[in-house]
Amino acid sequence: MFEKKLQVKMRRTAVLVACSILLFLVCGGLLSTALQKSKSETIQEQISIEIDEYKSRILKQLDADFQMLSTLAAFLEENITEDRQLLTRQLDQANQNNGFLTMVYFDRQGQGVISTLGEQPLTDASLDDLTQEGRRVVELALEGTVMISQLFESEDV
């Protein structure tokens, strides 16, 4: 009789221990899932914050680039732009002192100068000497749109 009571108590204890272990495993799994979800949400939020910061920096840099190009354009008097050799030297010199890979100047007739870092400047360039993206940007600029070309693979660089 005593042995039977002892076996019943042992079974109850074993069932209780097994249920407790199962409960801990389920709670651990739920906690792990919640922590993973929280971690994922935090990472997404951090990425969004960094994206906004990079976007702000890029826009500020573009504004600075526009300001620099507008300043450069103010120095391009008509007598300078008529002398292609002088314009070529000045554009190439300006290009050596900034972060652009290529700078171009085109007049309304589609004739211009292309200065690419590490290359000899092209003095009598036509729009056909540009890539498709380059032509698009120059054509828009000739229409009065202030812009800098998007990144593209240059055949010169």
Protein backbone atom coordinates (compact mmCIF):
# COMPACT_ATOMS: atom_id res chain seq x y z
CA MET A 1 0.00 0.00 0.00
CA PHE A 2 2.75 2.37 0.96
CA GLU A 3 4.54 1.51 -2.28
CA LYS A 4 1.40 2.18 -4.29
CA LYS A 5 0.98 5.64 -2.72
CA LEU A 6 4.63 6.34 -3.35
CA GLN A 7 4.29 5.34 -7.04
CA VAL A 8 1.21 7.55 -7.44
CA LYS A 9 3.05 10.50 -5.86
CA MET A 10 6.07 9.85 -8.08
CA ARG A 11 3.86 9.75 -11.20
CA ARG A 12 2.18 12.97 -10.18
CA THR A 13 5.55 14.56 -9.54
CA ALA A 14 6.88 13.30 -12.88
CA VAL A 15 3.80 14.63 -14.71
CA LEU A 16 4.12 17.95 -12.87
CA VAL A 17 7.82 18.19 -13.77
CA ALA A 18 7.08 17.29 -17.41
CA CYS A 19 4.29 19.89 -17.57
CA SER A 20 6.57 22.48 -15.97
CA ILE A 21 9.31 21.75 -18.51
CA LEU A 22 6.81 21.92 -21.36
CA LEU A 23 5.46 25.23 -19.98
CA PHE A 24 9.00 26.65 -19.77
CA LEU A 25 9.73 25.54 -23.35
CA VAL A 26 6.54 27.14 -24.68
CA CYS A 27 7.19 30.37 -22.74
CA GLY A 28 10.82 30.38 -23.95
CA GLY A 29 9.69 29.93 -27.55
CA LEU A 30 7.14 32.73 -27.26
CA LEU A 31 9.71 35.01 -25.62
CA SER A 32 12.26 34.19 -28.32
CA THR A 33 9.73 34.95 -31.06
CA ALA A 34 8.78 38.25 -29.41
CA LEU A 35 12.45 39.23 -29.05
CA GLN A 36 13.17 38.35 -32.71
CA LYS A 37 10.19 40.42 -33.84
CA SER A 38 11.29 43.34 -31.67
CA LYS A 39 14.84 43.06 -33.00
CA SER A 40 13.59 43.02 -36.60
CA GLU A 41 11.38 46.08 -36.02
CA THR A 42 14.25 47.94 -34.35
CA ILE A 43 16.57 47.14 -37.26
CA GLN A 44 13.94 48.36 -39.75
CA GLU A 45 13.48 51.60 -37.80
CA GLN A 46 17.26 52.13 -37.65
CA ILE A 47 17.58 51.52 -41.38
CA SER A 48 14.80 54.04 -42.07
CA ILE A 49 16.52 56.64 -39.88
CA GLU A 50 19.85 56.07 -41.65
CA ILE A 51 18.19 56.22 -45.08
CA ASP A 52 16.65 59.58 -44.17
CA GLU A 53 20.03 60.84 -42.95
CA TYR A 54 21.81 59.71 -46.14
CA LYS A 55 19.07 61.26 -48.26
CA SER A 56 19.44 64.55 -46.39
CA ARG A 57 23.22 64.49 -46.86
CA ILE A 58 22.92 63.72 -50.57
CA LEU A 59 20.39 66.51 -51.09
CA LYS A 60 22.66 68.97 -49.24
CA GLN A 61 25.58 67.86 -51.43
CA LEU A 62 23.49 68.31 -54.57
CA ASP A 63 22.54 71.81 -53.43
CA ALA A 64 26.22 72.58 -52.88
CA ASP A 65 27.05 71.14 -56.33
CA PHE A 66 24.35 73.30 -57.95
CA GLN A 67 25.69 76.34 -56.15
CA MET A 68 29.23 75.58 -57.33
CA LEU A 69 28.07 75.03 -60.91
CA SER A 70 26.01 78.22 -60.85
CA THR A 71 29.06 80.12 -59.63
CA LEU A 72 31.16 78.59 -62.39
CA ALA A 73 28.50 79.46 -64.98
CA ALA A 74 28.61 83.11 -63.87
CA PHE A 75 32.28 83.24 -64.90
CA LEU A 76 31.55 81.91 -68.37
CA GLU A 77 31.20 85.16 -70.21
CA GLU A 78 30.25 85.08 -73.86
CA ASN A 79 33.75 86.03 -75.06
CA ILE A 80 35.20 83.10 -73.10
CA THR A 81 32.70 80.60 -74.50
CA GLU A 82 33.51 81.73 -78.04
CA ASP A 83 37.20 80.89 -77.50
CA ARG A 84 36.93 77.08 -77.28
CA GLN A 85 40.60 76.59 -76.36
CA LEU A 86 40.33 78.96 -73.40
CA LEU A 87 37.00 77.46 -72.35
CA THR A 88 38.51 73.98 -72.58
CA ARG A 89 41.47 74.91 -70.38
CA GLN A 90 39.28 76.63 -67.80
CA LEU A 91 36.69 73.84 -67.68
CA ASP A 92 39.43 71.22 -67.36
CA GLN A 93 41.09 73.22 -64.57
CA ALA A 94 37.77 73.58 -62.76
CA ASN A 95 37.15 69.85 -63.17
CA GLN A 96 40.53 69.03 -61.60
CA ASN A 97 39.50 70.89 -58.43
CA ASN A 98 36.14 69.29 -57.65
CA GLY A 99 34.51 65.90 -57.12
CA PHE A 100 32.97 65.48 -60.56
CA LEU A 101 34.30 62.80 -62.88
CA THR A 102 33.16 64.65 -65.98
CA MET A 103 32.09 68.23 -66.64
CA VAL A 104 30.65 69.44 -69.93
CA TYR A 105 29.70 72.74 -71.50
CA PHE A 106 27.37 72.86 -74.49
CA ASP A 107 25.99 75.87 -76.30
CA ARG A 108 22.50 76.05 -77.75
CA GLN A 109 23.80 74.80 -81.12
CA GLY A 110 24.84 71.49 -79.52
CA GLN A 111 28.58 72.13 -79.69
CA GLY A 112 30.62 71.89 -76.54
CA VAL A 113 33.56 70.85 -74.43
CA ILE A 114 33.89 67.64 -72.39
CA SER A 115 36.38 67.44 -69.53
CA THR A 116 36.90 64.02 -67.93
CA LEU A 117 39.36 63.46 -65.07
CA GLY A 118 42.53 61.81 -66.27
CA GLU A 119 41.68 62.33 -69.95
CA GLN A 120 42.47 64.99 -72.50
CA PRO A 121 39.51 67.37 -72.77
CA LEU A 122 37.43 67.15 -75.94
CA THR A 123 37.21 70.65 -77.44
CA ASP A 124 34.82 70.27 -80.37
CA ALA A 125 32.36 67.85 -78.83
CA SER A 126 28.86 67.21 -80.09
CA LEU A 127 25.92 65.74 -78.22
CA ASP A 128 26.66 62.45 -79.99
CA ASP A 129 29.91 62.23 -77.97
CA LEU A 130 27.84 61.83 -74.79
CA THR A 131 26.13 58.76 -73.42
CA GLN A 132 22.36 58.56 -73.64
CA GLU A 133 22.04 59.80 -70.02
CA GLY A 134 24.51 62.60 -70.71
CA ARG A 135 22.56 63.72 -73.78
CA ARG A 136 19.31 63.67 -71.82
CA VAL A 137 20.76 65.88 -69.08
CA VAL A 138 22.32 68.37 -71.53
CA GLU A 139 19.09 68.62 -73.54
CA LEU A 140 17.11 69.28 -70.36
CA ALA A 141 19.68 71.84 -69.21
CA LEU A 142 19.46 73.62 -72.57
CA GLU A 143 15.71 73.84 -71.96
CA GLY A 144 16.40 75.57 -68.62
CA THR A 145 16.15 72.68 -66.15
CA VAL A 146 18.77 72.86 -63.39
CA MET A 147 20.12 69.37 -62.89
CA ILE A 148 23.08 67.06 -62.43
CA SER A 149 23.12 63.76 -64.27
CA GLN A 150 22.40 60.58 -62.41
CA LEU A 151 25.18 58.06 -62.04
CA PHE A 152 25.87 56.22 -65.24
CA GLU A 153 28.65 54.19 -66.78
CA SER A 154 30.80 56.49 -68.82
CA GLU A 155 32.62 55.21 -71.86
CA ASP A 156 35.48 57.56 -70.94
CA VAL A 157 36.00 56.39 -67.36
